[in-house]
């Protein structure tokens, strides 16, 4: 799937139209190559938060 701005906007619009207010996307949409997982297959949320912080810092420089 191509990672275009149009696709990001489509995803944001879909969630805005179909999700409850507390589930709406406020930080935008970011595509990642691979979601970090532990050996047991659980998503490593701590690493995702760290990656998001780095990306946010880059955008605000």
PDB file of N, CA and C in Angstrom:
ATOM      1  N   UNK A   1       0.846  -1.177   0.000  1.00  0.00           N
ATOM      2  CA  UNK A   1       0.000   0.000   0.000  1.00  0.00           C
ATOM      3  C   UNK A   1       0.889   1.236   0.000  1.00  0.00           C
ATOM      4  N   UNK A   2       0.594   2.153  -0.883  1.00  0.00           N
ATOM      5  CA  UNK A   2       1.359   3.394  -0.941  1.00  0.00           C
ATOM      6  C   UNK A   2       0.990   4.292   0.226  1.00  0.00           C
ATOM      7  N   UNK A   3       1.980   4.914   0.829  1.00  0.00           N
ATOM      8  CA  UNK A   3       1.781   5.764   1.993  1.00  0.00           C
ATOM      9  C   UNK A   3       1.672   7.218   1.537  1.00  0.00           C
ATOM     10  N   UNK A   4       0.494   7.612   1.101  1.00  0.00           N
ATOM     11  CA  UNK A   4       0.295   8.950   0.576  1.00  0.00           C
ATOM     12  C   UNK A   4      -0.471   9.811   1.570  1.00  0.00           C
ATOM     13  N   UNK A   5      -0.404  11.118   1.355  1.00  0.00           N
ATOM     14  CA  UNK A   5      -1.162  12.045   2.196  1.00  0.00           C
ATOM     15  C   UNK A   5      -2.661  11.821   2.026  1.00  0.00           C
ATOM     16  N   UNK A   6      -3.063  11.449   0.819  1.00  0.00           N
ATOM     17  CA  UNK A   6      -4.484  11.182   0.565  1.00  0.00           C
ATOM     18  C   UNK A   6      -4.977  10.003   1.410  1.00  0.00           C
ATOM     19  N   UNK A   7      -4.164   8.967   1.516  1.00  0.00           N
ATOM     20  CA  UNK A   7      -4.530   7.810   2.333  1.00  0.00           C
ATOM     21  C   UNK A   7      -4.623   8.203   3.808  1.00  0.00           C
ATOM     22  N   UNK A   8      -3.693   9.023   4.274  1.00  0.00           N
ATOM     23  CA  UNK A   8      -3.743   9.499   5.663  1.00  0.00           C
ATOM     24  C   UNK A   8      -5.037  10.266   5.924  1.00  0.00           C
ATOM     25  N   UNK A   9      -5.406  11.134   4.989  1.00  0.00           N
ATOM     26  CA  UNK A   9      -6.641  11.912   5.143  1.00  0.00           C
ATOM     27  C   UNK A   9      -7.868  11.005   5.124  1.00  0.00           C
ATOM     28  N   UNK A  10      -7.853   9.999   4.251  1.00  0.00           N
ATOM     29  CA  UNK A  10      -8.974   9.051   4.185  1.00  0.00           C
ATOM     30  C   UNK A  10      -9.129   8.286   5.499  1.00  0.00           C
ATOM     31  N   UNK A  11      -8.012   7.874   6.087  1.00  0.00           N
ATOM     32  CA  UNK A  11      -8.059   7.153   7.367  1.00  0.00           C
ATOM     33  C   UNK A  11      -8.594   8.061   8.463  1.00  0.00           C
ATOM     34  N   UNK A  12      -8.105   9.298   8.514  1.00  0.00           N
ATOM     35  CA  UNK A  12      -8.579  10.241   9.528  1.00  0.00           C
ATOM     36  C   UNK A  12     -10.070  10.509   9.371  1.00  0.00           C
ATOM     37  N   UNK A  13     -10.530  10.677   8.133  1.00  0.00           N
ATOM     38  CA  UNK A  13     -11.949  10.939   7.892  1.00  0.00           C
ATOM     39  C   UNK A  13     -12.798   9.740   8.291  1.00  0.00           C
ATOM     40  N   UNK A  14     -12.346   8.536   7.956  1.00  0.00           N
ATOM     41  CA  UNK A  14     -13.090   7.325   8.307  1.00  0.00           C
ATOM     42  C   UNK A  14     -13.245   7.206   9.822  1.00  0.00           C
ATOM     43  N   UNK A  15     -12.166   7.419  10.551  1.00  0.00           N
ATOM     44  CA  UNK A  15     -12.225   7.316  12.014  1.00  0.00           C
ATOM     45  C   UNK A  15     -13.099   8.425  12.583  1.00  0.00           C
ATOM     46  N   UNK A  16     -12.992   9.633  12.047  1.00  0.00           N
ATOM     47  CA  UNK A  16     -13.810  10.746  12.533  1.00  0.00           C
ATOM     48  C   UNK A  16     -15.297  10.472  12.327  1.00  0.00           C
ATOM     49  N   UNK A  17     -15.637   9.823  11.223  1.00  0.00           N
ATOM     50  CA  UNK A  17     -17.041   9.546  10.920  1.00  0.00           C
ATOM     51  C   UNK A  17     -17.597   8.343  11.678  1.00  0.00           C
ATOM     52  N   UNK A  18     -16.745   7.376  12.021  1.00  0.00           N
ATOM     53  CA  UNK A  18     -17.237   6.105  12.549  1.00  0.00           C
ATOM     54  C   UNK A  18     -16.864   5.795  13.996  1.00  0.00           C
ATOM     55  N   UNK A  19     -15.983   6.560  14.597  1.00  0.00           N
ATOM     56  CA  UNK A  19     -15.533   6.238  15.954  1.00  0.00           C
ATOM     57  C   UNK A  19     -16.176   7.168  16.977  1.00  0.00           C
ATOM     58  N   UNK A  20     -16.213   6.692  18.200  1.00  0.00           N
ATOM     59  CA  UNK A  20     -16.706   7.507  19.310  1.00  0.00           C
ATOM     60  C   UNK A  20     -15.737   8.675  19.535  1.00  0.00           C
ATOM     61  N   UNK A  21     -16.224   9.783  20.098  1.00  0.00           N
ATOM     62  CA  UNK A  21     -15.362  10.958  20.273  1.00  0.00           C
ATOM     63  C   UNK A  21     -14.054  10.681  21.016  1.00  0.00           C
ATOM     64  N   UNK A  22     -14.073   9.812  22.012  1.00  0.00           N
ATOM     65  CA  UNK A  22     -12.843   9.567  22.763  1.00  0.00           C
ATOM     66  C   UNK A  22     -11.850   8.693  22.001  1.00  0.00           C
ATOM     67  N   UNK A  23     -12.262   8.118  20.887  1.00  0.00           N
ATOM     68  CA  UNK A  23     -11.375   7.284  20.078  1.00  0.00           C
ATOM     69  C   UNK A  23     -10.855   8.002  18.836  1.00  0.00           C
ATOM     70  N   UNK A  24     -11.216   9.248  18.640  1.00  0.00           N
ATOM     71  CA  UNK A  24     -10.811   9.966  17.431  1.00  0.00           C
ATOM     72  C   UNK A  24      -9.309  10.220  17.416  1.00  0.00           C
ATOM     73  N   UNK A  25      -8.746  10.294  16.224  1.00  0.00           N
ATOM     74  CA  UNK A  25      -7.309  10.504  16.056  1.00  0.00           C
ATOM     75  C   UNK A  25      -6.980  11.975  16.237  1.00  0.00           C
ATOM     76  N   UNK A  26      -6.199  12.276  17.243  1.00  0.00           N
ATOM     77  CA  UNK A  26      -5.811  13.661  17.499  1.00  0.00           C
ATOM     78  C   UNK A  26      -4.355  13.920  17.127  1.00  0.00           C
ATOM     79  N   UNK A  27      -3.568  12.869  17.052  1.00  0.00           N
ATOM     80  CA  UNK A  27      -2.151  13.011  16.749  1.00  0.00           C
ATOM     81  C   UNK A  27      -1.818  12.761  15.296  1.00  0.00           C
ATOM     82  N   UNK A  28      -2.800  12.391  14.508  1.00  0.00           N
ATOM     83  CA  UNK A  28      -2.559  12.124  13.102  1.00  0.00           C
ATOM     84  C   UNK A  28      -2.316  10.648  12.830  1.00  0.00           C
ATOM     85  N   UNK A  29      -1.875  10.366  11.620  1.00  0.00           N
ATOM     86  CA  UNK A  29      -1.633   8.997  11.174  1.00  0.00           C
ATOM     87  C   UNK A  29      -0.173   8.888  10.764  1.00  0.00           C
ATOM     88  N   UNK A  30       0.485   7.847  11.247  1.00  0.00           N
ATOM     89  CA  UNK A  30       1.881   7.597  10.897  1.00  0.00           C
ATOM     90  C   UNK A  30       1.996   6.143  10.465  1.00  0.00           C
ATOM     91  N   UNK A  31       2.671   5.914   9.358  1.00  0.00           N
ATOM     92  CA  UNK A  31       2.892   4.560   8.876  1.00  0.00           C
ATOM     93  C   UNK A  31       4.240   4.062   9.388  1.00  0.00           C
ATOM     94  N   UNK A  32       4.272   2.830   9.865  1.00  0.00           N
ATOM     95  CA  UNK A  32       5.518   2.212  10.323  1.00  0.00           C
ATOM     96  C   UNK A  32       5.736   0.929   9.534  1.00  0.00           C
ATOM     97  N   UNK A  33       6.997   0.560   9.366  1.00  0.00           N
ATOM     98  CA  UNK A  33       7.314  -0.667   8.638  1.00  0.00           C
ATOM     99  C   UNK A  33       6.957  -1.903   9.445  1.00  0.00           C
ATOM    100  N   UNK A  34       7.227  -1.840  10.752  1.00  0.00           N
ATOM    101  CA  UNK A  34       6.989  -3.007  11.588  1.00  0.00           C
ATOM    102  C   UNK A  34       6.681  -2.550  13.006  1.00  0.00           C
ATOM    103  N   UNK A  35       5.682  -3.154  13.628  1.00  0.00           N
ATOM    104  CA  UNK A  35       5.326  -2.854  15.012  1.00  0.00           C
ATOM    105  C   UNK A  35       6.227  -3.699  15.911  1.00  0.00           C
ATOM    106  N   UNK A  36       6.928  -3.066  16.881  1.00  0.00           N
ATOM    107  CA  UNK A  36       7.813  -3.848  17.753  1.00  0.00           C
ATOM    108  C   UNK A  36       7.018  -4.788  18.657  1.00  0.00           C
ATOM    109  N   UNK A  37       7.470  -6.031  18.724  1.00  0.00           N
ATOM    110  CA  UNK A  37       6.784  -7.042  19.536  1.00  0.00           C
ATOM    111  C   UNK A  37       7.795  -7.801  20.379  1.00  0.00           C
ATOM    112  N   UNK A  38       7.314  -8.323  21.504  1.00  0.00           N
ATOM    113  CA  UNK A  38       8.157  -9.132  22.384  1.00  0.00           C
ATOM    114  C   UNK A  38       8.258 -10.547  21.820  1.00  0.00           C
ATOM    115  N   UNK A  39       9.045 -11.379  22.491  1.00  0.00           N
ATOM    116  CA  UNK A  39       9.207 -12.766  22.055  1.00  0.00           C
ATOM    117  C   UNK A  39       7.890 -13.533  22.111  1.00  0.00           C
ATOM    118  N   UNK A  40       7.001 -13.123  23.016  1.00  0.00           N
ATOM    119  CA  UNK A  40       5.710 -13.810  23.128  1.00  0.00           C
ATOM    120  C   UNK A  40       4.654 -13.231  22.190  1.00  0.00           C
ATOM    121  N   UNK A  41       5.019 -12.194  21.416  1.00  0.00           N
ATOM    122  CA  UNK A  41       4.106 -11.644  20.425  1.00  0.00           C
ATOM    123  C   UNK A  41       3.311 -10.434  20.878  1.00  0.00           C
ATOM    124  N   UNK A  42       3.570  -9.957  22.088  1.00  0.00           N
ATOM    125  CA  UNK A  42       2.842  -8.786  22.576  1.00  0.00           C
ATOM    126  C   UNK A  42       3.460  -7.515  22.001  1.00  0.00           C
ATOM    127  N   UNK A  43       2.619  -6.524  21.734  1.00  0.00           N
ATOM    128  CA  UNK A  43       3.080  -5.241  21.224  1.00  0.00           C
ATOM    129  C   UNK A  43       3.838  -4.501  22.320  1.00  0.00           C
ATOM    130  N   UNK A  44       5.014  -3.977  21.980  1.00  0.00           N
ATOM    131  CA  UNK A  44       5.829  -3.229  22.937  1.00  0.00           C
ATOM    132  C   UNK A  44       5.433  -1.758  22.869  1.00  0.00           C
ATOM    133  N   UNK A  45       4.440  -1.402  23.646  1.00  0.00           N
ATOM    134  CA  UNK A  45       3.887  -0.052  23.617  1.00  0.00           C
ATOM    135  C   UNK A  45       4.894   0.990  24.061  1.00  0.00           C
ATOM    136  N   UNK A  46       5.777   0.616  24.981  1.00  0.00           N
ATOM    137  CA  UNK A  46       6.795   1.551  25.468  1.00  0.00           C
ATOM    138  C   UNK A  46       7.677   2.021  24.308  1.00  0.00           C
ATOM    139  N   UNK A  47       8.071   1.094  23.442  1.00  0.00           N
ATOM    140  CA  UNK A  47       8.887   1.459  22.283  1.00  0.00           C
ATOM    141  C   UNK A  47       8.096   2.303  21.286  1.00  0.00           C
ATOM    142  N   UNK A  48       6.815   2.014  21.119  1.00  0.00           N
ATOM    143  CA  UNK A  48       5.982   2.822  20.223  1.00  0.00           C
ATOM    144  C   UNK A  48       5.852   4.250  20.738  1.00  0.00           C
ATOM    145  N   UNK A  49       5.668   4.404  22.063  1.00  0.00           N
ATOM    146  CA  UNK A  49       5.581   5.747  22.645  1.00  0.00           C
ATOM    147  C   UNK A  49       6.890   6.501  22.465  1.00  0.00           C
ATOM    148  N   UNK A  50       8.022   5.820  22.652  1.00  0.00           N
ATOM    149  CA  UNK A  50       9.331   6.456  22.475  1.00  0.00           C
ATOM    150  C   UNK A  50       9.522   6.894  21.025  1.00  0.00           C
ATOM    151  N   UNK A  51       9.129   6.044  20.094  1.00  0.00           N
ATOM    152  CA  UNK A  51       9.242   6.383  18.671  1.00  0.00           C
ATOM    153  C   UNK A  51       8.358   7.583  18.332  1.00  0.00           C
ATOM    154  N   UNK A  52       7.156   7.615  18.895  1.00  0.00           N
ATOM    155  CA  UNK A  52       6.240   8.733  18.651  1.00  0.00           C
ATOM    156  C   UNK A  52       6.811  10.025  19.215  1.00  0.00           C
ATOM    157  N   UNK A  53       7.439   9.959  20.374  1.00  0.00           N
ATOM    158  CA  UNK A  53       8.047  11.152  20.970  1.00  0.00           C
ATOM    159  C   UNK A  53       9.166  11.689  20.094  1.00  0.00           C
ATOM    160  N   UNK A  54       9.991  10.790  19.556  1.00  0.00           N
ATOM    161  CA  UNK A  54      11.077  11.211  18.664  1.00  0.00           C
ATOM    162  C   UNK A  54      10.516  11.865  17.403  1.00  0.00           C
ATOM    163  N   UNK A  55       9.500  11.250  16.811  1.00  0.00           N
ATOM    164  CA  UNK A  55       8.892  11.803  15.601  1.00  0.00           C
ATOM    165  C   UNK A  55       8.281  13.169  15.872  1.00  0.00           C
ATOM    166  N   UNK A  56       7.620  13.319  17.015  1.00  0.00           N
ATOM    167  CA  UNK A  56       7.000  14.588  17.380  1.00  0.00           C
ATOM    168  C   UNK A  56       8.064  15.660  17.584  1.00  0.00           C
ATOM    169  N   UNK A  57       9.183  15.291  18.210  1.00  0.00           N
ATOM    170  CA  UNK A  57      10.269  16.246  18.435  1.00  0.00           C
ATOM    171  C   UNK A  57      10.870  16.710  17.106  1.00  0.00           C
ATOM    172  N   UNK A  58      11.004  15.789  16.147  1.00  0.00           N
ATOM    173  CA  UNK A  58      11.539  16.154  14.834  1.00  0.00           C
ATOM    174  C   UNK A  58      10.619  17.143  14.120  1.00  0.00           C
ATOM    175  N   UNK A  59       9.316  16.942  14.240  1.00  0.00           N
ATOM    176  CA  UNK A  59       8.362  17.819  13.565  1.00  0.00           C
ATOM    177  C   UNK A  59       8.353  19.221  14.160  1.00  0.00           C
ATOM    178  N   UNK A  60       8.651  19.340  15.440  1.00  0.00           N
ATOM    179  CA  UNK A  60       8.573  20.632  16.122  1.00  0.00           C
ATOM    180  C   UNK A  60       9.903  21.362  16.196  1.00  0.00           C
ATOM    181  N   UNK A  61      10.910  20.931  15.450  1.00  0.00           N
ATOM    182  CA  UNK A  61      12.201  21.623  15.463  1.00  0.00           C
ATOM    183  C   UNK A  61      12.218  22.748  14.483  1.00  0.00           C
TER     184      UNK A  61
END
